[in-house]
Amino acid sequence: MIELLRSNDLVLLSWLEVYLRDAGIENLVLDHHISVTEGSIGAFNRRLMVLDEDLAAARALLAEAGIEAGS
């Protein structure tokens, strides 16, 4: 898997999980556990991961939605 996006916006990440899944793109958000360590203050980014072969399609979907993904 490869990182598509980093964010501490949990609403955005939740929406993107569903948006990508509805488009047939498997994804996974890593670093959920960090909220226990940080006390839920949102200081640490979570990573949205996709399969290597889905990266281009996922980036295209994010661009279509007006969301900038990392390069």
N, C-alpha and C. Protein backbone atom coordinates (compact mmCIF):
# COMPACT_ATOMS: atom_id res chain seq x y z
N MET A 1 0.85 -1.17 0.00
CA MET A 1 0.00 0.00 0.00
C MET A 1 0.90 1.24 0.00
N ILE A 2 0.31 2.33 -0.48
CA ILE A 2 1.05 3.57 -0.58
C ILE A 2 0.19 4.71 -0.02
N GLU A 3 0.85 5.69 0.56
CA GLU A 3 0.13 6.81 1.16
C GLU A 3 -0.46 7.71 0.09
N LEU A 4 -1.74 7.98 0.23
CA LEU A 4 -2.43 8.89 -0.67
C LEU A 4 -2.51 10.29 -0.05
N LEU A 5 -2.75 10.34 1.25
CA LEU A 5 -3.02 11.62 1.91
C LEU A 5 -2.73 11.51 3.40
N ARG A 6 -2.29 12.61 4.00
CA ARG A 6 -2.15 12.71 5.46
C ARG A 6 -3.06 13.83 5.93
N SER A 7 -3.78 13.57 7.00
CA SER A 7 -4.65 14.61 7.54
C SER A 7 -5.00 14.29 8.99
N ASN A 8 -5.31 15.32 9.75
CA ASN A 8 -5.86 15.11 11.08
C ASN A 8 -7.34 15.49 11.11
N ASP A 9 -7.91 15.70 9.93
CA ASP A 9 -9.34 16.00 9.79
C ASP A 9 -10.09 14.67 9.70
N LEU A 10 -10.66 14.25 10.82
CA LEU A 10 -11.30 12.94 10.87
C LEU A 10 -12.56 12.87 10.01
N VAL A 11 -13.25 13.98 9.85
CA VAL A 11 -14.43 14.00 9.00
C VAL A 11 -14.03 13.80 7.54
N LEU A 12 -12.99 14.51 7.10
CA LEU A 12 -12.49 14.35 5.74
C LEU A 12 -12.04 12.91 5.49
N LEU A 13 -11.28 12.37 6.41
CA LEU A 13 -10.78 11.00 6.23
C LEU A 13 -11.92 10.00 6.16
N SER A 14 -12.91 10.17 7.00
CA SER A 14 -14.07 9.27 6.98
C SER A 14 -14.79 9.37 5.64
N TRP A 15 -14.99 10.59 5.16
CA TRP A 15 -15.65 10.79 3.87
C TRP A 15 -14.85 10.17 2.74
N LEU A 16 -13.53 10.37 2.77
CA LEU A 16 -12.68 9.82 1.72
C LEU A 16 -12.68 8.30 1.72
N GLU A 17 -12.72 7.69 2.91
CA GLU A 17 -12.79 6.23 2.98
C GLU A 17 -14.00 5.72 2.21
N VAL A 18 -15.14 6.33 2.45
CA VAL A 18 -16.38 5.91 1.79
C VAL A 18 -16.35 6.26 0.31
N TYR A 19 -15.90 7.45 -0.01
CA TYR A 19 -15.84 7.92 -1.40
C TYR A 19 -14.98 6.98 -2.26
N LEU A 20 -13.81 6.63 -1.75
CA LEU A 20 -12.93 5.72 -2.49
C LEU A 20 -13.51 4.32 -2.56
N ARG A 21 -14.04 3.84 -1.44
CA ARG A 21 -14.62 2.49 -1.41
C ARG A 21 -15.79 2.39 -2.40
N ASP A 22 -16.62 3.43 -2.46
CA ASP A 22 -17.74 3.43 -3.41
C ASP A 22 -17.27 3.41 -4.86
N ALA A 23 -16.06 3.91 -5.09
CA ALA A 23 -15.48 3.89 -6.44
C ALA A 23 -14.71 2.59 -6.70
N GLY A 24 -14.74 1.67 -5.74
CA GLY A 24 -14.07 0.40 -5.92
C GLY A 24 -12.59 0.41 -5.56
N ILE A 25 -12.16 1.42 -4.82
CA ILE A 25 -10.75 1.54 -4.45
C ILE A 25 -10.60 1.17 -2.97
N GLU A 26 -9.88 0.07 -2.73
CA GLU A 26 -9.61 -0.34 -1.36
C GLU A 26 -8.72 0.70 -0.69
N ASN A 27 -9.01 0.98 0.57
CA ASN A 27 -8.20 1.96 1.29
C ASN A 27 -8.18 1.61 2.77
N LEU A 28 -7.25 2.24 3.46
CA LEU A 28 -7.06 1.98 4.88
C LEU A 28 -6.51 3.24 5.52
N VAL A 29 -7.07 3.61 6.66
CA VAL A 29 -6.53 4.75 7.41
C VAL A 29 -5.66 4.19 8.53
N LEU A 30 -4.41 4.60 8.54
CA LEU A 30 -3.47 4.16 9.56
C LEU A 30 -3.30 5.25 10.62
N ASP A 31 -2.85 4.85 11.76
CA ASP A 31 -2.52 5.73 12.88
C ASP A 31 -3.75 6.18 13.67
N HIS A 32 -4.85 5.41 13.60
CA HIS A 32 -6.01 5.72 14.45
C HIS A 32 -5.62 5.66 15.93
N HIS A 33 -4.75 4.73 16.26
CA HIS A 33 -4.35 4.50 17.65
C HIS A 33 -3.64 5.70 18.28
N ILE A 34 -3.12 6.57 17.49
CA ILE A 34 -2.35 7.70 18.02
C ILE A 34 -3.24 8.62 18.85
N SER A 35 -4.56 8.60 18.61
CA SER A 35 -5.45 9.47 19.37
C SER A 35 -5.42 9.14 20.86
N VAL A 36 -5.17 7.89 21.19
CA VAL A 36 -5.06 7.51 22.60
C VAL A 36 -3.83 8.17 23.20
N THR A 37 -2.75 8.18 22.46
CA THR A 37 -1.50 8.76 22.94
C THR A 37 -1.58 10.27 23.04
N GLU A 38 -2.20 10.90 22.05
CA GLU A 38 -2.22 12.36 21.99
C GLU A 38 -3.35 12.97 22.80
N GLY A 39 -4.27 12.18 23.28
CA GLY A 39 -5.39 12.71 24.05
C GLY A 39 -6.47 13.32 23.18
N SER A 40 -6.57 12.88 21.93
CA SER A 40 -7.61 13.33 20.99
C SER A 40 -7.56 14.83 20.70
N ILE A 41 -6.37 15.41 20.66
CA ILE A 41 -6.26 16.84 20.37
C ILE A 41 -6.05 17.10 18.88
N GLY A 42 -5.89 16.06 18.08
CA GLY A 42 -5.75 16.23 16.64
C GLY A 42 -4.39 16.72 16.19
N ALA A 43 -3.36 16.48 16.98
CA ALA A 43 -2.03 16.99 16.65
C ALA A 43 -1.29 16.12 15.64
N PHE A 44 -1.66 14.86 15.54
CA PHE A 44 -0.95 13.95 14.66
C PHE A 44 -1.82 13.55 13.47
N ASN A 45 -1.22 13.55 12.30
CA ASN A 45 -1.94 13.18 11.09
C ASN A 45 -2.16 11.68 11.02
N ARG A 46 -3.26 11.31 10.42
CA ARG A 46 -3.52 9.92 10.06
C ARG A 46 -3.18 9.78 8.59
N ARG A 47 -2.84 8.56 8.17
CA ARG A 47 -2.45 8.32 6.77
C ARG A 47 -3.51 7.51 6.07
N LEU A 48 -3.97 8.01 4.92
CA LEU A 48 -4.91 7.29 4.08
C LEU A 48 -4.10 6.54 3.02
N MET A 49 -4.21 5.24 3.05
CA MET A 49 -3.42 4.38 2.19
C MET A 49 -4.31 3.71 1.13
N VAL A 50 -3.75 3.50 -0.06
CA VAL A 50 -4.43 2.77 -1.13
C VAL A 50 -3.44 1.77 -1.72
N LEU A 51 -3.96 0.81 -2.45
CA LEU A 51 -3.08 -0.13 -3.14
C LEU A 51 -2.27 0.61 -4.20
N ASP A 52 -1.04 0.17 -4.40
CA ASP A 52 -0.16 0.83 -5.37
C ASP A 52 -0.82 0.98 -6.74
N GLU A 53 -1.51 -0.07 -7.17
CA GLU A 53 -2.10 -0.04 -8.50
C GLU A 53 -3.33 0.88 -8.59
N ASP A 54 -3.86 1.32 -7.45
CA ASP A 54 -5.02 2.21 -7.43
C ASP A 54 -4.64 3.68 -7.21
N LEU A 55 -3.36 3.96 -7.06
CA LEU A 55 -2.92 5.31 -6.72
C LEU A 55 -3.37 6.35 -7.74
N ALA A 56 -3.16 6.10 -9.01
CA ALA A 56 -3.52 7.09 -10.04
C ALA A 56 -5.03 7.35 -10.04
N ALA A 57 -5.82 6.29 -9.95
CA ALA A 57 -7.28 6.45 -9.94
C ALA A 57 -7.74 7.19 -8.68
N ALA A 58 -7.12 6.89 -7.55
CA ALA A 58 -7.48 7.56 -6.30
C ALA A 58 -7.13 9.04 -6.36
N ARG A 59 -5.96 9.36 -6.89
CA ARG A 59 -5.57 10.77 -7.03
C ARG A 59 -6.53 11.51 -7.96
N ALA A 60 -6.94 10.85 -9.03
CA ALA A 60 -7.89 11.47 -9.96
C ALA A 60 -9.22 11.76 -9.28
N LEU A 61 -9.69 10.83 -8.46
CA LEU A 61 -10.94 11.05 -7.73
C LEU A 61 -10.82 12.20 -6.74
N LEU A 62 -9.69 12.28 -6.05
CA LEU A 62 -9.49 13.37 -5.11
C LEU A 62 -9.43 14.71 -5.85
N ALA A 63 -8.74 14.73 -6.99
CA ALA A 63 -8.66 15.97 -7.77
C ALA A 63 -10.06 16.39 -8.24
N GLU A 64 -10.84 15.42 -8.65
CA GLU A 64 -12.21 15.69 -9.10
C GLU A 64 -13.05 16.29 -7.95
N ALA A 65 -12.75 15.85 -6.73
CA ALA A 65 -13.47 16.36 -5.55
C ALA A 65 -12.86 17.65 -5.01
N GLY A 66 -11.76 18.10 -5.63
CA GLY A 66 -11.12 19.34 -5.19
C GLY A 66 -10.23 19.18 -3.97
N ILE A 67 -9.73 17.97 -3.77
CA ILE A 67 -8.86 17.69 -2.62
C ILE A 67 -7.46 17.39 -3.13
N GLU A 68 -6.48 18.08 -2.58
CA GLU A 68 -5.10 17.91 -3.02
C GLU A 68 -4.47 16.75 -2.26
N ALA A 69 -3.99 15.76 -3.00
CA ALA A 69 -3.29 14.62 -2.39
C ALA A 69 -1.80 14.87 -2.47
N GLY A 70 -1.06 14.22 -1.58
CA GLY A 70 0.39 14.32 -1.61
C GLY A 70 0.94 13.70 -2.86
N SER A 71 2.16 14.08 -3.23
CA SER A 71 2.75 13.56 -4.46
C SER A 71 3.57 12.33 -4.21
